[in-house]
Amino acid sequence: MSPTARKCVCRNFCLEIAASPINKEQRTQNECSFCLSPLSEAPAVGSIEMPKLKPSTQAARREHILDAAERCFARSGFHRTTMQDICREAKVSPGALYLYFSSKEELIAGISERDRSQLAQQLAELGKSGDLIAALRRIAEHYSIEEPRYKRVLCMEIAAESTRNPVVGEIFRSVDRYVIESFAQLFAEAQKAGRIDPAFDPQLLAQIIVLIGDGLFWRRAVDPDYDAEAMLPALIQLVSTLINPVPEGISKVQAANDPGASR
């Protein structure tokens, strides 16, 4: 390591690597240019020991950082947000942030994977529900009413960035494929069980439902006056018509022979 290498002494494990002696005119203090903490001679990188935390503590810190990143990206956009901004929002040191995420793209991947995991749980419960439409309504209420609006703004920000950034684009398309395939599988199983009698095949039906969801997300993100509670009943009625749930007591064969019986 260069003799001019320094480490931050605020215990955040930042490294300041200088190719030449510190320019006193540019920085009047012997500071880390990243977090402005005092610098001291750095030991070899391999000799730095990271604090050992319980898995539950590590998971909580990771979630806390992702929450902060969501707010920053929604507020300032992907490009204007810096890793330093996220450190300030989360009230963590740069070392603590980089211990979990090395880039903004990794943060987007973490946010997306967390959302995917949450949706997987919701779809698992949806598949077990005796009332498919009521369960779908609860999911719609969660995303369009209960969750804060900045999360919908964040979705639009990630979607826009996916058109310019190949890494974010692959993350976005991966989640999109997962959502469509998950709904398609759910509808196929419900149709096979005689619980629904849709006019479209499950794959196309899933794409239509996701398209409606995209519209809900976009409208809430761009229109502060959008009244999701007033709009939701009509949308649920539309979704119910598309899915066409079969009432209990009507056999699968009867529904197939007489489509009007399930309406």
C-alpha atoms as a PDB file:
ATOM      1  CA  MET A   1       0.000   0.000   0.000  1.00  0.00           C
ATOM      2  CA  SER A   2       1.251   3.520  -0.780  1.00  0.00           C
ATOM      3  CA  PRO A   3       2.855   5.334   2.190  1.00  0.00           C
ATOM      4  CA  THR A   4       0.341   8.130   1.620  1.00  0.00           C
ATOM      5  CA  ALA A   5      -2.628   5.809   2.158  1.00  0.00           C
ATOM      6  CA  ARG A   6      -4.809   6.827   5.038  1.00  0.00           C
ATOM      7  CA  LYS A   7      -7.777   5.346   6.809  1.00  0.00           C
ATOM      8  CA  CYS A   8     -10.747   7.090   8.368  1.00  0.00           C
ATOM      9  CA  VAL A   9     -10.543   6.873  12.166  1.00  0.00           C
ATOM     10  CA  CYS A  10     -14.303   7.246  12.770  1.00  0.00           C
ATOM     11  CA  ARG A  11     -14.526   3.436  12.680  1.00  0.00           C
ATOM     12  CA  ASN A  12     -16.427   3.390   9.374  1.00  0.00           C
ATOM     13  CA  PHE A  13     -13.573   1.616   7.538  1.00  0.00           C
ATOM     14  CA  CYS A  14     -13.376   4.210   4.734  1.00  0.00           C
ATOM     15  CA  LEU A  15     -10.050   4.222   2.900  1.00  0.00           C
ATOM     16  CA  GLU A  16      -8.477   7.345   1.437  1.00  0.00           C
ATOM     17  CA  ILE A  17      -5.910   6.389  -1.181  1.00  0.00           C
ATOM     18  CA  ALA A  18      -3.813   9.373  -2.247  1.00  0.00           C
ATOM     19  CA  ALA A  19      -1.421   9.241  -5.173  1.00  0.00           C
ATOM     20  CA  SER A  20       0.443  12.279  -3.882  1.00  0.00           C
ATOM     21  CA  PRO A  21       0.733  14.141  -0.559  1.00  0.00           C
ATOM     22  CA  ILE A  22      -2.407  15.931   0.607  1.00  0.00           C
ATOM     23  CA  ASN A  23      -2.857  19.305  -1.059  1.00  0.00           C
ATOM     24  CA  LYS A  24      -3.271  21.729   1.849  1.00  0.00           C
ATOM     25  CA  GLU A  25      -4.907  24.328  -0.428  1.00  0.00           C
ATOM     26  CA  GLN A  26      -7.662  21.895  -1.446  1.00  0.00           C
ATOM     27  CA  ARG A  27      -8.254  20.391   1.963  1.00  0.00           C
ATOM     28  CA  THR A  28      -7.120  22.314   5.022  1.00  0.00           C
ATOM     29  CA  GLN A  29      -7.608  19.355   7.355  1.00  0.00           C
ATOM     30  CA  ASN A  30      -6.217  15.855   7.220  1.00  0.00           C
ATOM     31  CA  GLU A  31      -9.665  14.493   6.342  1.00  0.00           C
ATOM     32  CA  CYS A  32     -11.255  11.650   4.458  1.00  0.00           C
ATOM     33  CA  SER A  33     -12.680  13.255   1.299  1.00  0.00           C
ATOM     34  CA  PHE A  34     -15.685  10.921   1.477  1.00  0.00           C
ATOM     35  CA  CYS A  35     -16.967  11.507   5.003  1.00  0.00           C
ATOM     36  CA  LEU A  36     -14.678  14.354   6.251  1.00  0.00           C
ATOM     37  CA  SER A  37     -13.466  12.343   9.231  1.00  0.00           C
ATOM     38  CA  PRO A  38      -9.828  12.531  10.439  1.00  0.00           C
ATOM     39  CA  LEU A  39      -7.358  10.242   8.694  1.00  0.00           C
ATOM     40  CA  SER A  40      -4.559   8.167  10.154  1.00  0.00           C
ATOM     41  CA  GLU A  41      -2.029   5.810   8.637  1.00  0.00           C
ATOM     42  CA  ALA A  42      -3.950   2.812   7.272  1.00  0.00           C
ATOM     43  CA  PRO A  43      -3.034  -0.785   8.037  1.00  0.00           C
ATOM     44  CA  ALA A  44      -3.111  -3.350   5.283  1.00  0.00           C
ATOM     45  CA  VAL A  45      -6.661  -3.881   4.037  1.00  0.00           C
ATOM     46  CA  GLY A  46      -6.598  -7.540   5.069  1.00  0.00           C
ATOM     47  CA  SER A  47      -5.885  -6.577   8.659  1.00  0.00           C
ATOM     48  CA  ILE A  48      -9.110  -4.588   9.087  1.00  0.00           C
ATOM     49  CA  GLU A  49     -11.564  -6.570  11.158  1.00  0.00           C
ATOM     50  CA  MET A  50     -15.235  -5.884  10.539  1.00  0.00           C
ATOM     51  CA  PRO A  51     -17.521  -5.972  13.564  1.00  0.00           C
ATOM     52  CA  LYS A  52     -19.347  -9.271  13.958  1.00  0.00           C
ATOM     53  CA  LEU A  53     -23.089  -8.832  14.190  1.00  0.00           C
ATOM     54  CA  LYS A  54     -25.909 -11.251  14.759  1.00  0.00           C
ATOM     55  CA  PRO A  55     -27.693 -12.306  11.539  1.00  0.00           C
ATOM     56  CA  SER A  56     -30.870 -10.626  12.795  1.00  0.00           C
ATOM     57  CA  THR A  57     -28.973  -7.360  13.350  1.00  0.00           C
ATOM     58  CA  GLN A  58     -27.395  -7.578   9.906  1.00  0.00           C
ATOM     59  CA  ALA A  59     -30.805  -8.196   8.315  1.00  0.00           C
ATOM     60  CA  ALA A  60     -32.320  -5.234  10.168  1.00  0.00           C
ATOM     61  CA  ARG A  61     -29.490  -2.918   9.083  1.00  0.00           C
ATOM     62  CA  ARG A  62     -29.834  -4.080   5.496  1.00  0.00           C
ATOM     63  CA  GLU A  63     -33.575  -3.384   5.559  1.00  0.00           C
ATOM     64  CA  HIS A  64     -32.935   0.033   7.122  1.00  0.00           C
ATOM     65  CA  ILE A  65     -30.509   0.940   4.320  1.00  0.00           C
ATOM     66  CA  LEU A  66     -32.954  -0.242   1.647  1.00  0.00           C
ATOM     67  CA  ASP A  67     -35.714   1.900   3.215  1.00  0.00           C
ATOM     68  CA  ALA A  68     -33.437   4.934   3.089  1.00  0.00           C
ATOM     69  CA  ALA A  69     -32.444   4.208  -0.524  1.00  0.00           C
ATOM     70  CA  GLU A  70     -36.106   3.976  -1.535  1.00  0.00           C
ATOM     71  CA  ARG A  71     -36.825   7.429  -0.116  1.00  0.00           C
ATOM     72  CA  CYS A  72     -33.738   8.953  -1.738  1.00  0.00           C
ATOM     73  CA  PHE A  73     -34.380   7.464  -5.194  1.00  0.00           C
ATOM     74  CA  ALA A  74     -38.048   8.507  -5.100  1.00  0.00           C
ATOM     75  CA  ARG A  75     -37.191  12.022  -3.940  1.00  0.00           C
ATOM     76  CA  SER A  76     -34.166  12.830  -6.112  1.00  0.00           C
ATOM     77  CA  GLY A  77     -34.086  10.203  -8.854  1.00  0.00           C
ATOM     78  CA  PHE A  78     -31.521   7.500  -9.557  1.00  0.00           C
ATOM     79  CA  HIS A  79     -28.876   9.747 -11.119  1.00  0.00           C
ATOM     80  CA  ARG A  80     -29.042  12.659  -8.700  1.00  0.00           C
ATOM     81  CA  THR A  81     -28.962  10.411  -5.642  1.00  0.00           C
ATOM     82  CA  THR A  82     -25.438   9.655  -4.424  1.00  0.00           C
ATOM     83  CA  MET A  83     -24.242   6.966  -2.062  1.00  0.00           C
ATOM     84  CA  GLN A  84     -23.417   9.798   0.365  1.00  0.00           C
ATOM     85  CA  ASP A  85     -27.079  10.897   0.220  1.00  0.00           C
ATOM     86  CA  ILE A  86     -28.162   7.402   1.206  1.00  0.00           C
ATOM     87  CA  CYS A  87     -25.647   7.355   4.067  1.00  0.00           C
ATOM     88  CA  ARG A  88     -27.099  10.594   5.413  1.00  0.00           C
ATOM     89  CA  GLU A  89     -30.690   9.398   5.001  1.00  0.00           C
ATOM     90  CA  ALA A  90     -29.949   6.107   6.764  1.00  0.00           C
ATOM     91  CA  LYS A  91     -27.640   7.760   9.317  1.00  0.00           C
ATOM     92  CA  VAL A  92     -24.934   5.193   8.676  1.00  0.00           C
ATOM     93  CA  SER A  93     -21.270   5.512   7.816  1.00  0.00           C
ATOM     94  CA  PRO A  94     -20.041   4.872   4.257  1.00  0.00           C
ATOM     95  CA  GLY A  95     -18.291   1.757   5.495  1.00  0.00           C
ATOM     96  CA  ALA A  96     -21.537   0.389   6.885  1.00  0.00           C
ATOM     97  CA  LEU A  97     -23.325   1.067   3.585  1.00  0.00           C
ATOM     98  CA  TYR A  98     -20.640  -0.517   1.402  1.00  0.00           C
ATOM     99  CA  LEU A  99     -20.558  -3.547   3.672  1.00  0.00           C
ATOM    100  CA  TYR A 100     -24.011  -4.414   2.285  1.00  0.00           C
ATOM    101  CA  PHE A 101     -24.234  -2.663  -1.107  1.00  0.00           C
ATOM    102  CA  SER A 102     -21.365  -1.624  -3.361  1.00  0.00           C
ATOM    103  CA  SER A 103     -23.397   0.440  -5.851  1.00  0.00           C
ATOM    104  CA  LYS A 104     -26.753   2.044  -6.570  1.00  0.00           C
ATOM    105  CA  GLU A 105     -27.515  -0.831  -8.936  1.00  0.00           C
ATOM    106  CA  GLU A 106     -27.045  -3.281  -6.057  1.00  0.00           C
ATOM    107  CA  LEU A 107     -29.452  -1.208  -3.983  1.00  0.00           C
ATOM    108  CA  ILE A 108     -32.042  -1.365  -6.778  1.00  0.00           C
ATOM    109  CA  ALA A 109     -31.522  -5.133  -6.940  1.00  0.00           C
ATOM    110  CA  GLY A 110     -32.035  -5.358  -3.176  1.00  0.00           C
ATOM    111  CA  ILE A 111     -35.207  -3.281  -3.296  1.00  0.00           C
ATOM    112  CA  SER A 112     -36.573  -5.321  -6.193  1.00  0.00           C
ATOM    113  CA  GLU A 113     -35.812  -8.650  -4.540  1.00  0.00           C
ATOM    114  CA  ARG A 114     -37.514  -7.499  -1.348  1.00  0.00           C
ATOM    115  CA  ASP A 115     -40.608  -6.495  -3.320  1.00  0.00           C
ATOM    116  CA  ARG A 116     -40.559  -9.805  -5.174  1.00  0.00           C
ATOM    117  CA  SER A 117     -40.405 -11.721  -1.888  1.00  0.00           C
ATOM    118  CA  GLN A 118     -43.335  -9.732  -0.489  1.00  0.00           C
ATOM    119  CA  LEU A 119     -45.419 -10.388  -3.607  1.00  0.00           C
ATOM    120  CA  ALA A 120     -44.595 -14.105  -3.461  1.00  0.00           C
ATOM    121  CA  GLN A 121     -46.070 -14.265   0.046  1.00  0.00           C
ATOM    122  CA  GLN A 122     -49.179 -12.387  -1.060  1.00  0.00           C
ATOM    123  CA  LEU A 123     -49.703 -14.661  -4.064  1.00  0.00           C
ATOM    124  CA  ALA A 124     -49.268 -17.748  -1.894  1.00  0.00           C
ATOM    125  CA  GLU A 125     -52.059 -16.480   0.352  1.00  0.00           C
ATOM    126  CA  LEU A 126     -54.123 -15.539  -2.708  1.00  0.00           C
ATOM    127  CA  GLY A 127     -53.925 -19.102  -4.024  1.00  0.00           C
ATOM    128  CA  LYS A 128     -55.308 -20.434  -0.734  1.00  0.00           C
ATOM    129  CA  SER A 129     -58.106 -17.882  -0.484  1.00  0.00           C
ATOM    130  CA  GLY A 130     -61.672 -19.088  -0.823  1.00  0.00           C
ATOM    131  CA  ASP A 131     -62.656 -15.758  -2.392  1.00  0.00           C
ATOM    132  CA  LEU A 132     -60.201 -14.950  -5.175  1.00  0.00           C
ATOM    133  CA  ILE A 133     -61.681 -11.539  -5.994  1.00  0.00           C
ATOM    134  CA  ALA A 134     -61.707 -10.405  -2.357  1.00  0.00           C
ATOM    135  CA  ALA A 135     -58.090 -11.497  -2.007  1.00  0.00           C
ATOM    136  CA  LEU A 136     -57.114  -9.619  -5.184  1.00  0.00           C
ATOM    137  CA  ARG A 137     -58.871  -6.547  -3.814  1.00  0.00           C
ATOM    138  CA  ARG A 138     -56.793  -6.712  -0.635  1.00  0.00           C
ATOM    139  CA  ILE A 139     -53.592  -6.806  -2.699  1.00  0.00           C
ATOM    140  CA  ALA A 140     -54.795  -3.858  -4.804  1.00  0.00           C
ATOM    141  CA  GLU A 141     -55.649  -1.868  -1.669  1.00  0.00           C
ATOM    142  CA  HIS A 142     -52.221  -2.565  -0.227  1.00  0.00           C
ATOM    143  CA  TYR A 143     -50.328  -1.256  -3.259  1.00  0.00           C
ATOM    144  CA  SER A 144     -52.662   1.540  -4.391  1.00  0.00           C
ATOM    145  CA  ILE A 145     -53.853   2.922  -1.032  1.00  0.00           C
ATOM    146  CA  GLU A 146     -51.995   1.664   2.034  1.00  0.00           C
ATOM    147  CA  GLU A 147     -48.384   1.926   0.879  1.00  0.00           C
ATOM    148  CA  PRO A 148     -46.987   5.487   0.790  1.00  0.00           C
ATOM    149  CA  ARG A 149     -47.092   7.277  -2.562  1.00  0.00           C
ATOM    150  CA  TYR A 150     -43.290   7.568  -2.798  1.00  0.00           C
ATOM    151  CA  LYS A 151     -43.109   3.812  -3.365  1.00  0.00           C
ATOM    152  CA  ARG A 152     -45.152   4.209  -6.543  1.00  0.00           C
ATOM    153  CA  VAL A 153     -42.883   7.092  -7.589  1.00  0.00           C
ATOM    154  CA  LEU A 154     -39.933   4.770  -6.987  1.00  0.00           C
ATOM    155  CA  CYS A 155     -41.484   2.148  -9.300  1.00  0.00           C
ATOM    156  CA  MET A 156     -41.739   4.737 -12.067  1.00  0.00           C
ATOM    157  CA  GLU A 157     -38.153   5.850 -11.444  1.00  0.00           C
ATOM    158  CA  ILE A 158     -36.838   2.288 -11.726  1.00  0.00           C
ATOM    159  CA  ALA A 159     -38.921   1.705 -14.870  1.00  0.00           C
ATOM    160  CA  ALA A 160     -37.546   4.867 -16.484  1.00  0.00           C
ATOM    161  CA  GLU A 161     -33.966   3.992 -15.530  1.00  0.00           C
ATOM    162  CA  SER A 162     -34.447   0.501 -16.988  1.00  0.00           C
ATOM    163  CA  THR A 163     -34.655   2.074 -20.464  1.00  0.00           C
ATOM    164  CA  ARG A 164     -31.169   3.583 -20.087  1.00  0.00           C
ATOM    165  CA  ASN A 165     -29.208   1.369 -17.713  1.00  0.00           C
ATOM    166  CA  PRO A 166     -28.686  -2.260 -18.857  1.00  0.00           C
ATOM    167  CA  VAL A 167     -28.137  -3.510 -15.302  1.00  0.00           C
ATOM    168  CA  VAL A 168     -31.300  -1.883 -13.964  1.00  0.00           C
ATOM    169  CA  GLY A 169     -33.098  -2.958 -17.145  1.00  0.00           C
ATOM    170  CA  GLU A 170     -32.356  -6.622 -16.490  1.00  0.00           C
ATOM    171  CA  ILE A 171     -33.474  -6.296 -12.860  1.00  0.00           C
ATOM    172  CA  PHE A 172     -36.710  -4.620 -13.923  1.00  0.00           C
ATOM    173  CA  ARG A 173     -37.525  -7.146 -16.654  1.00  0.00           C
ATOM    174  CA  SER A 174     -36.713 -10.057 -14.348  1.00  0.00           C
ATOM    175  CA  VAL A 175     -39.217  -8.844 -11.762  1.00  0.00           C
ATOM    176  CA  ASP A 176     -41.782  -8.095 -14.470  1.00  0.00           C
ATOM    177  CA  ARG A 177     -41.480 -11.628 -15.869  1.00  0.00           C
ATOM    178  CA  TYR A 178     -41.785 -13.068 -12.379  1.00  0.00           C
ATOM    179  CA  VAL A 179     -44.988 -11.131 -11.667  1.00  0.00           C
ATOM    180  CA  ILE A 180     -46.645 -12.138 -14.951  1.00  0.00           C
ATOM    181  CA  GLU A 181     -45.634 -15.797 -14.675  1.00  0.00           C
ATOM    182  CA  SER A 182     -46.778 -15.950 -11.042  1.00  0.00           C
ATOM    183  CA  PHE A 183     -50.228 -14.610 -11.889  1.00  0.00           C
ATOM    184  CA  ALA A 184     -50.439 -16.869 -14.946  1.00  0.00           C
ATOM    185  CA  GLN A 185     -49.674 -19.927 -12.813  1.00  0.00           C
ATOM    186  CA  LEU A 186     -52.202 -18.838 -10.200  1.00  0.00           C
ATOM    187  CA  PHE A 187     -54.945 -18.370 -12.807  1.00  0.00           C
ATOM    188  CA  ALA A 188     -54.088 -21.671 -14.539  1.00  0.00           C
ATOM    189  CA  GLU A 189     -54.402 -23.566 -11.259  1.00  0.00           C
ATOM    190  CA  ALA A 190     -57.675 -21.805 -10.409  1.00  0.00           C
ATOM    191  CA  GLN A 191     -59.064 -22.581 -13.855  1.00  0.00           C
ATOM    192  CA  LYS A 192     -58.022 -26.220 -13.603  1.00  0.00           C
ATOM    193  CA  ALA A 193     -59.725 -26.456 -10.215  1.00  0.00           C
ATOM    194  CA  GLY A 194     -62.925 -25.004 -11.663  1.00  0.00           C
ATOM    195  CA  ARG A 195     -62.717 -21.852  -9.524  1.00  0.00           C
ATOM    196  CA  ILE A 196     -62.653 -19.452 -12.493  1.00  0.00           C
ATOM    197  CA  ASP A 197     -63.889 -19.563 -16.075  1.00  0.00           C
ATOM    198  CA  PRO A 198     -62.036 -16.738 -17.849  1.00  0.00           C
ATOM    199  CA  ALA A 199     -62.590 -15.758 -21.453  1.00  0.00           C
ATOM    200  CA  PHE A 200     -58.812 -15.562 -22.029  1.00  0.00           C
ATOM    201  CA  ASP A 201     -56.054 -18.078 -21.449  1.00  0.00           C
ATOM    202  CA  PRO A 202     -54.183 -17.657 -18.112  1.00  0.00           C
ATOM    203  CA  GLN A 203     -51.037 -16.171 -19.682  1.00  0.00           C
ATOM    204  CA  LEU A 204     -52.930 -13.429 -21.527  1.00  0.00           C
ATOM    205  CA  LEU A 205     -55.153 -12.844 -18.504  1.00  0.00           C
ATOM    206  CA  ALA A 206     -52.068 -12.350 -16.323  1.00  0.00           C
ATOM    207  CA  GLN A 207     -50.639  -9.803 -18.755  1.00  0.00           C
ATOM    208  CA  ILE A 208     -53.927  -7.862 -18.746  1.00  0.00           C
ATOM    209  CA  ILE A 209     -54.096  -7.824 -14.937  1.00  0.00           C
ATOM    210  CA  VAL A 210     -50.479  -6.643 -14.684  1.00  0.00           C
ATOM    211  CA  LEU A 211     -51.198  -3.957 -17.276  1.00  0.00           C
ATOM    212  CA  ILE A 212     -54.086  -2.685 -15.130  1.00  0.00           C
ATOM    213  CA  GLY A 213     -51.761  -2.697 -12.121  1.00  0.00           C
ATOM    214  CA  ASP A 214     -49.144  -0.701 -14.036  1.00  0.00           C
ATOM    215  CA  GLY A 215     -51.796   1.918 -14.784  1.00  0.00           C
ATOM    216  CA  LEU A 216     -52.739   2.113 -11.107  1.00  0.00           C
ATOM    217  CA  PHE A 217     -49.100   2.584 -10.110  1.00  0.00           C
ATOM    218  CA  TRP A 218     -48.460   5.234 -12.768  1.00  0.00           C
ATOM    219  CA  ARG A 219     -51.589   7.252 -11.969  1.00  0.00           C
ATOM    220  CA  ARG A 220     -50.893   7.332  -8.252  1.00  0.00           C
ATOM    221  CA  ALA A 221     -47.266   8.319  -8.878  1.00  0.00           C
ATOM    222  CA  VAL A 222     -47.963  11.254 -11.215  1.00  0.00           C
ATOM    223  CA  ASP A 223     -51.269  12.566  -9.856  1.00  0.00           C
ATOM    224  CA  PRO A 224     -51.217  13.750  -6.216  1.00  0.00           C
ATOM    225  CA  ASP A 225     -55.009  14.188  -6.352  1.00  0.00           C
ATOM    226  CA  TYR A 226     -55.707  10.678  -7.639  1.00  0.00           C
ATOM    227  CA  ASP A 227     -58.424   9.033  -5.547  1.00  0.00           C
ATOM    228  CA  ALA A 228     -57.600   5.328  -5.573  1.00  0.00           C
ATOM    229  CA  GLU A 229     -60.351   4.504  -3.087  1.00  0.00           C
ATOM    230  CA  ALA A 230     -63.000   5.912  -5.434  1.00  0.00           C
ATOM    231  CA  MET A 231     -61.552   4.152  -8.495  1.00  0.00           C
ATOM    232  CA  LEU A 232     -60.837   0.757  -6.970  1.00  0.00           C
ATOM    233  CA  PRO A 233     -64.424  -0.661  -6.859  1.00  0.00           C
ATOM    234  CA  ALA A 234     -64.858  -0.141 -10.609  1.00  0.00           C
ATOM    235  CA  LEU A 235     -61.475  -1.712 -11.352  1.00  0.00           C
ATOM    236  CA  ILE A 236     -62.230  -4.710  -9.156  1.00  0.00           C
ATOM    237  CA  GLN A 237     -65.516  -5.182 -11.004  1.00  0.00           C
ATOM    238  CA  LEU A 238     -63.619  -5.094 -14.305  1.00  0.00           C
ATOM    239  CA  VAL A 239     -61.072  -7.630 -13.009  1.00  0.00           C
ATOM    240  CA  SER A 240     -63.902  -9.856 -11.751  1.00  0.00           C
ATOM    241  CA  THR A 241     -65.470  -9.836 -15.228  1.00  0.00           C
ATOM    242  CA  LEU A 242     -62.154 -10.820 -16.785  1.00  0.00           C
ATOM    243  CA  ILE A 243     -61.431 -13.584 -14.285  1.00  0.00           C
ATOM    244  CA  ASN A 244     -65.057 -14.757 -14.085  1.00  0.00           C
ATOM    245  CA  PRO A 245     -65.066 -16.630 -10.763  1.00  0.00           C
ATOM    246  CA  VAL A 246     -67.287 -19.701 -10.644  1.00  0.00           C
ATOM    247  CA  PRO A 247     -69.749 -19.571  -7.712  1.00  0.00           C
ATOM    248  CA  GLU A 248     -69.683 -22.432  -5.274  1.00  0.00           C
ATOM    249  CA  GLY A 249     -72.204 -25.126  -6.177  1.00  0.00           C
ATOM    250  CA  ILE A 250     -71.719 -24.778  -9.933  1.00  0.00           C
ATOM    251  CA  SER A 251     -69.705 -27.668 -11.313  1.00  0.00           C
ATOM    252  CA  LYS A 252     -66.755 -27.206 -13.626  1.00  0.00           C
ATOM    253  CA  VAL A 253     -68.621 -29.100 -16.369  1.00  0.00           C
ATOM    254  CA  GLN A 254     -71.718 -26.936 -15.945  1.00  0.00           C
ATOM    255  CA  ALA A 255     -69.670 -23.753 -16.147  1.00  0.00           C
ATOM    256  CA  ALA A 256     -67.960 -24.990 -19.318  1.00  0.00           C
ATOM    257  CA  ASN A 257     -71.259 -25.983 -20.983  1.00  0.00           C
ATOM    258  CA  ASP A 258     -73.113 -22.868 -19.881  1.00  0.00           C
ATOM    259  CA  PRO A 259     -70.783 -19.841 -19.551  1.00  0.00           C
ATOM    260  CA  GLY A 260     -73.696 -17.713 -18.433  1.00  0.00           C
ATOM    261  CA  ALA A 261     -74.174 -19.861 -15.327  1.00  0.00           C
ATOM    262  CA  SER A 262     -71.009 -18.522 -13.738  1.00  0.00           C
ATOM    263  CA  ARG A 263     -71.858 -14.889 -14.321  1.00  0.00           C
END
